[in-house]
Amino acid sequence: MKKVKCPHCGQETRWEGNPFRPFCSERCKLLDLGHWLAEEYRIQVPAEGVEEIHELPKEEEGE
């Protein structure tokens, strides 16, 4: 039986038949989700095209 470490708590857990994989439990799964929702985790590489999203079109004088 294959075992993996839970990415949240590090406990070894079985892979096959685990409904919460890669986590060991529903608790760890929900805690991890909470960290993402609270923006405690960040992706280090900026997404492509972000600059264009934040740029607003410049208004011309007289409009």
PDB file of N, CA and C in Angstrom:
ATOM      1  N   MET A   1       0.848  -1.174   0.000  1.00  0.00           N
ATOM      2  CA  MET A   1       0.000   0.000   0.000  1.00  0.00           C
ATOM      3  C   MET A   1       0.902   1.248   0.000  1.00  0.00           C
ATOM      4  N   LYS A   2       0.644   2.159  -0.935  1.00  0.00           N
ATOM      5  CA  LYS A   2       1.446   3.372  -1.066  1.00  0.00           C
ATOM      6  C   LYS A   2       1.060   4.374   0.018  1.00  0.00           C
ATOM      7  N   LYS A   3       2.076   4.955   0.670  1.00  0.00           N
ATOM      8  CA  LYS A   3       1.840   5.985   1.679  1.00  0.00           C
ATOM      9  C   LYS A   3       2.527   7.271   1.238  1.00  0.00           C
ATOM     10  N   VAL A   4       1.896   8.388   1.540  1.00  0.00           N
ATOM     11  CA  VAL A   4       2.446   9.707   1.223  1.00  0.00           C
ATOM     12  C   VAL A   4       2.326  10.583   2.461  1.00  0.00           C
ATOM     13  N   LYS A   5       3.111  11.658   2.487  1.00  0.00           N
ATOM     14  CA  LYS A   5       3.028  12.598   3.605  1.00  0.00           C
ATOM     15  C   LYS A   5       1.973  13.653   3.301  1.00  0.00           C
ATOM     16  N   CYS A   6       1.169  13.945   4.291  1.00  0.00           N
ATOM     17  CA  CYS A   6       0.154  14.995   4.171  1.00  0.00           C
ATOM     18  C   CYS A   6       0.877  16.327   3.965  1.00  0.00           C
ATOM     19  N   PRO A   7       0.507  17.113   2.951  1.00  0.00           N
ATOM     20  CA  PRO A   7       1.193  18.381   2.704  1.00  0.00           C
ATOM     21  C   PRO A   7       0.947  19.417   3.796  1.00  0.00           C
ATOM     22  N   HIS A   8      -0.064  19.204   4.629  1.00  0.00           N
ATOM     23  CA  HIS A   8      -0.347  20.184   5.680  1.00  0.00           C
ATOM     24  C   HIS A   8       0.359  19.842   6.992  1.00  0.00           C
ATOM     25  N   CYS A   9       0.190  18.604   7.486  1.00  0.00           N
ATOM     26  CA  CYS A   9       0.743  18.248   8.800  1.00  0.00           C
ATOM     27  C   CYS A   9       1.948  17.327   8.735  1.00  0.00           C
ATOM     28  N   GLY A  10       2.194  16.702   7.579  1.00  0.00           N
ATOM     29  CA  GLY A  10       3.346  15.831   7.423  1.00  0.00           C
ATOM     30  C   GLY A  10       3.126  14.392   7.862  1.00  0.00           C
ATOM     31  N   GLN A  11       1.945  14.073   8.347  1.00  0.00           N
ATOM     32  CA  GLN A  11       1.647  12.705   8.780  1.00  0.00           C
ATOM     33  C   GLN A  11       1.581  11.783   7.575  1.00  0.00           C
ATOM     34  N   GLU A  12       2.132  10.568   7.720  1.00  0.00           N
ATOM     35  CA  GLU A  12       2.036   9.594   6.633  1.00  0.00           C
ATOM     36  C   GLU A  12       0.616   9.064   6.556  1.00  0.00           C
ATOM     37  N   THR A  13       0.101   8.974   5.342  1.00  0.00           N
ATOM     38  CA  THR A  13      -1.262   8.503   5.136  1.00  0.00           C
ATOM     39  C   THR A  13      -1.312   7.642   3.884  1.00  0.00           C
ATOM     40  N   ARG A  14      -2.265   6.739   3.831  1.00  0.00           N
ATOM     41  CA  ARG A  14      -2.377   5.874   2.655  1.00  0.00           C
ATOM     42  C   ARG A  14      -2.973   6.671   1.496  1.00  0.00           C
ATOM     43  N   TRP A  15      -2.544   6.337   0.288  1.00  0.00           N
ATOM     44  CA  TRP A  15      -3.016   7.032  -0.911  1.00  0.00           C
ATOM     45  C   TRP A  15      -4.303   6.406  -1.428  1.00  0.00           C
ATOM     46  N   GLU A  16      -4.301   5.081  -1.550  1.00  0.00           N
ATOM     47  CA  GLU A  16      -5.451   4.387  -2.120  1.00  0.00           C
ATOM     48  C   GLU A  16      -6.648   4.483  -1.175  1.00  0.00           C
ATOM     49  N   GLY A  17      -7.786   4.830  -1.730  1.00  0.00           N
ATOM     50  CA  GLY A  17      -9.020   4.856  -0.965  1.00  0.00           C
ATOM     51  C   GLY A  17      -9.161   6.032  -0.016  1.00  0.00           C
ATOM     52  N   ASN A  18      -8.220   6.957  -0.015  1.00  0.00           N
ATOM     53  CA  ASN A  18      -8.295   8.115   0.877  1.00  0.00           C
ATOM     54  C   ASN A  18      -9.114   9.208   0.191  1.00  0.00           C
ATOM     55  N   PRO A  19     -10.308   9.528   0.707  1.00  0.00           N
ATOM     56  CA  PRO A  19     -11.151  10.528   0.047  1.00  0.00           C
ATOM     57  C   PRO A  19     -10.618  11.956   0.173  1.00  0.00           C
ATOM     58  N   PHE A  20      -9.620  12.168   1.036  1.00  0.00           N
ATOM     59  CA  PHE A  20      -9.101  13.521   1.261  1.00  0.00           C
ATOM     60  C   PHE A  20      -7.722  13.730   0.647  1.00  0.00           C
ATOM     61  N   ARG A  21      -7.250  12.751  -0.146  1.00  0.00           N
ATOM     62  CA  ARG A  21      -5.893  12.857  -0.671  1.00  0.00           C
ATOM     63  C   ARG A  21      -5.697  14.134  -1.468  1.00  0.00           C
ATOM     64  N   PRO A  22      -4.567  14.740  -1.404  1.00  0.00           N
ATOM     65  CA  PRO A  22      -3.333  14.259  -0.796  1.00  0.00           C
ATOM     66  C   PRO A  22      -3.247  14.495   0.712  1.00  0.00           C
ATOM     67  N   PHE A  23      -4.305  14.988   1.330  1.00  0.00           N
ATOM     68  CA  PHE A  23      -4.298  15.257   2.765  1.00  0.00           C
ATOM     69  C   PHE A  23      -4.669  14.007   3.548  1.00  0.00           C
ATOM     70  N   CYS A  24      -4.324  13.993   4.845  1.00  0.00           N
ATOM     71  CA  CYS A  24      -4.604  12.817   5.661  1.00  0.00           C
ATOM     72  C   CYS A  24      -6.031  12.816   6.186  1.00  0.00           C
ATOM     73  N   SER A  25      -6.661  13.985   6.241  1.00  0.00           N
ATOM     74  CA  SER A  25      -7.995  14.070   6.829  1.00  0.00           C
ATOM     75  C   SER A  25      -8.744  15.271   6.260  1.00  0.00           C
ATOM     76  N   GLU A  26     -10.036  15.306   6.540  1.00  0.00           N
ATOM     77  CA  GLU A  26     -10.839  16.454   6.125  1.00  0.00           C
ATOM     78  C   GLU A  26     -10.351  17.716   6.824  1.00  0.00           C
ATOM     79  N   ARG A  27      -9.923  17.573   8.084  1.00  0.00           N
ATOM     80  CA  ARG A  27      -9.429  18.722   8.845  1.00  0.00           C
ATOM     81  C   ARG A  27      -8.254  19.382   8.127  1.00  0.00           C
ATOM     82  N   CYS A  28      -7.244  18.585   7.746  1.00  0.00           N
ATOM     83  CA  CYS A  28      -6.080  19.147   7.055  1.00  0.00           C
ATOM     84  C   CYS A  28      -6.473  19.752   5.711  1.00  0.00           C
ATOM     85  N   LYS A  29      -7.387  19.116   5.018  1.00  0.00           N
ATOM     86  CA  LYS A  29      -7.857  19.629   3.727  1.00  0.00           C
ATOM     87  C   LYS A  29      -8.504  21.004   3.905  1.00  0.00           C
ATOM     88  N   LEU A  30      -9.363  21.145   4.916  1.00  0.00           N
ATOM     89  CA  LEU A  30     -10.052  22.415   5.154  1.00  0.00           C
ATOM     90  C   LEU A  30      -9.105  23.483   5.690  1.00  0.00           C
ATOM     91  N   LEU A  31      -8.146  23.093   6.530  1.00  0.00           N
ATOM     92  CA  LEU A  31      -7.165  24.062   7.017  1.00  0.00           C
ATOM     93  C   LEU A  31      -6.335  24.615   5.867  1.00  0.00           C
ATOM     94  N   ASP A  32      -5.942  23.746   4.936  1.00  0.00           N
ATOM     95  CA  ASP A  32      -5.177  24.186   3.773  1.00  0.00           C
ATOM     96  C   ASP A  32      -6.005  25.138   2.910  1.00  0.00           C
ATOM     97  N   LEU A  33      -7.262  24.794   2.690  1.00  0.00           N
ATOM     98  CA  LEU A  33      -8.147  25.669   1.921  1.00  0.00           C
ATOM     99  C   LEU A  33      -8.273  27.029   2.604  1.00  0.00           C
ATOM    100  N   GLY A  34      -8.397  27.023   3.923  1.00  0.00           N
ATOM    101  CA  GLY A  34      -8.483  28.272   4.680  1.00  0.00           C
ATOM    102  C   GLY A  34      -7.259  29.142   4.499  1.00  0.00           C
ATOM    103  N   HIS A  35      -6.078  28.531   4.435  1.00  0.00           N
ATOM    104  CA  HIS A  35      -4.853  29.303   4.208  1.00  0.00           C
ATOM    105  C   HIS A  35      -4.870  29.961   2.835  1.00  0.00           C
ATOM    106  N   TRP A  36      -5.366  29.250   1.815  1.00  0.00           N
ATOM    107  CA  TRP A  36      -5.471  29.845   0.477  1.00  0.00           C
ATOM    108  C   TRP A  36      -6.472  30.994   0.483  1.00  0.00           C
ATOM    109  N   LEU A  37      -7.624  30.786   1.120  1.00  0.00           N
ATOM    110  CA  LEU A  37      -8.660  31.821   1.124  1.00  0.00           C
ATOM    111  C   LEU A  37      -8.233  33.060   1.903  1.00  0.00           C
ATOM    112  N   ALA A  38      -7.404  32.871   2.932  1.00  0.00           N
ATOM    113  CA  ALA A  38      -6.901  33.998   3.718  1.00  0.00           C
ATOM    114  C   ALA A  38      -5.669  34.633   3.065  1.00  0.00           C
ATOM    115  N   GLU A  39      -5.314  34.144   1.874  1.00  0.00           N
ATOM    116  CA  GLU A  39      -4.163  34.632   1.111  1.00  0.00           C
ATOM    117  C   GLU A  39      -2.860  34.501   1.887  1.00  0.00           C
ATOM    118  N   GLU A  40      -2.748  33.429   2.697  1.00  0.00           N
ATOM    119  CA  GLU A  40      -1.514  33.157   3.410  1.00  0.00           C
ATOM    120  C   GLU A  40      -0.510  32.437   2.513  1.00  0.00           C
ATOM    121  N   TYR A  41      -0.979  31.814   1.452  1.00  0.00           N
ATOM    122  CA  TYR A  41      -0.112  31.186   0.455  1.00  0.00           C
ATOM    123  C   TYR A  41      -0.062  32.115  -0.750  1.00  0.00           C
ATOM    124  N   ARG A  42       1.102  32.185  -1.369  1.00  0.00           N
ATOM    125  CA  ARG A  42       1.247  33.035  -2.539  1.00  0.00           C
ATOM    126  C   ARG A  42       1.982  32.264  -3.632  1.00  0.00           C
ATOM    127  N   ILE A  43       1.628  32.535  -4.864  1.00  0.00           N
ATOM    128  CA  ILE A  43       2.342  31.982  -6.006  1.00  0.00           C
ATOM    129  C   ILE A  43       3.447  32.973  -6.339  1.00  0.00           C
ATOM    130  N   GLN A  44       4.691  32.507  -6.394  1.00  0.00           N
ATOM    131  CA  GLN A  44       5.847  33.385  -6.528  1.00  0.00           C
ATOM    132  C   GLN A  44       6.009  34.001  -7.910  1.00  0.00           C
ATOM    133  N   VAL A  45       5.594  33.315  -8.944  1.00  0.00           N
ATOM    134  CA  VAL A  45       5.787  33.799 -10.307  1.00  0.00           C
ATOM    135  C   VAL A  45       4.551  34.587 -10.727  1.00  0.00           C
ATOM    136  N   PRO A  46       4.724  35.840 -11.173  1.00  0.00           N
ATOM    137  CA  PRO A  46       3.547  36.596 -11.606  1.00  0.00           C
ATOM    138  C   PRO A  46       2.900  35.965 -12.836  1.00  0.00           C
ATOM    139  N   ALA A  47       1.604  36.019 -12.878  1.00  0.00           N
ATOM    140  CA  ALA A  47       0.860  35.470 -14.012  1.00  0.00           C
ATOM    141  C   ALA A  47       1.103  36.332 -15.244  1.00  0.00           C
ATOM    142  N   GLU A  48       1.147  35.697 -16.402  1.00  0.00           N
ATOM    143  CA  GLU A  48       1.336  36.442 -17.644  1.00  0.00           C
ATOM    144  C   GLU A  48       0.097  37.271 -17.930  1.00  0.00           C
ATOM    145  N   GLY A  49       0.296  38.481 -18.392  1.00  0.00           N
ATOM    146  CA  GLY A  49      -0.815  39.327 -18.774  1.00  0.00           C
ATOM    147  C   GLY A  49      -1.397  40.139 -17.634  1.00  0.00           C
ATOM    148  N   VAL A  50      -0.836  40.029 -16.436  1.00  0.00           N
ATOM    149  CA  VAL A  50      -1.382  40.769 -15.298  1.00  0.00           C
ATOM    150  C   VAL A  50      -1.247  42.265 -15.525  1.00  0.00           C
ATOM    151  N   GLU A  51      -0.149  42.690 -16.140  1.00  0.00           N
ATOM    152  CA  GLU A  51       0.059  44.120 -16.370  1.00  0.00           C
ATOM    153  C   GLU A  51      -1.068  44.707 -17.211  1.00  0.00           C
ATOM    154  N   GLU A  52      -1.492  43.979 -18.244  1.00  0.00           N
ATOM    155  CA  GLU A  52      -2.546  44.480 -19.117  1.00  0.00           C
ATOM    156  C   GLU A  52      -3.879  44.585 -18.381  1.00  0.00           C
ATOM    157  N   ILE A  53      -4.113  43.687 -17.449  1.00  0.00           N
ATOM    158  CA  ILE A  53      -5.378  43.693 -16.711  1.00  0.00           C
ATOM    159  C   ILE A  53      -5.482  44.943 -15.847  1.00  0.00           C
ATOM    160  N   HIS A  54      -4.357  45.354 -15.248  1.00  0.00           N
ATOM    161  CA  HIS A  54      -4.384  46.471 -14.317  1.00  0.00           C
ATOM    162  C   HIS A  54      -4.263  47.829 -14.996  1.00  0.00           C
ATOM    163  N   GLU A  55      -3.923  47.852 -16.271  1.00  0.00           N
ATOM    164  CA  GLU A  55      -3.807  49.126 -16.973  1.00  0.00           C
ATOM    165  C   GLU A  55      -5.178  49.569 -17.460  1.00  0.00           C
ATOM    166  N   LEU A  56      -5.551  50.770 -17.106  1.00  0.00           N
ATOM    167  CA  LEU A  56      -6.821  51.326 -17.559  1.00  0.00           C
ATOM    168  C   LEU A  56      -6.573  52.189 -18.788  1.00  0.00           C
ATOM    169  N   PRO A  57      -7.505  52.215 -19.717  1.00  0.00           N
ATOM    170  CA  PRO A  57      -7.320  53.076 -20.888  1.00  0.00           C
ATOM    171  C   PRO A  57      -7.284  54.542 -20.456  1.00  0.00           C
ATOM    172  N   LYS A  58      -6.380  55.295 -21.076  1.00  0.00           N
ATOM    173  CA  LYS A  58      -6.251  56.712 -20.737  1.00  0.00           C
ATOM    174  C   LYS A  58      -7.321  57.500 -21.474  1.00  0.00           C
ATOM    175  N   GLU A  59      -7.957  58.389 -20.737  1.00  0.00           N
ATOM    176  CA  GLU A  59      -8.985  59.236 -21.351  1.00  0.00           C
ATOM    177  C   GLU A  59      -8.318  60.438 -21.999  1.00  0.00           C
ATOM    178  N   GLU A  60      -8.827  60.814 -23.153  1.00  0.00           N
ATOM    179  CA  GLU A  60      -8.297  61.989 -23.831  1.00  0.00           C
ATOM    180  C   GLU A  60      -8.995  63.223 -23.284  1.00  0.00           C
ATOM    181  N   GLU A  61      -8.300  64.353 -23.358  1.00  0.00           N
ATOM    182  CA  GLU A  61      -8.872  65.619 -22.887  1.00  0.00           C
ATOM    183  C   GLU A  61     -10.139  65.939 -23.658  1.00  0.00           C
ATOM    184  N   GLY A  62     -11.151  66.438 -22.971  1.00  0.00           N
ATOM    185  CA  GLY A  62     -12.377  66.849 -23.630  1.00  0.00           C
ATOM    186  C   GLY A  62     -13.422  65.758 -23.711  1.00  0.00           C
ATOM    187  N   GLU A  63     -13.152  64.583 -23.206  1.00  0.00           N
ATOM    188  CA  GLU A  63     -14.155  63.510 -23.252  1.00  0.00           C
ATOM    189  C   GLU A  63     -14.922  63.461 -21.968  1.00  0.00           C
TER     190      GLU A  63
END
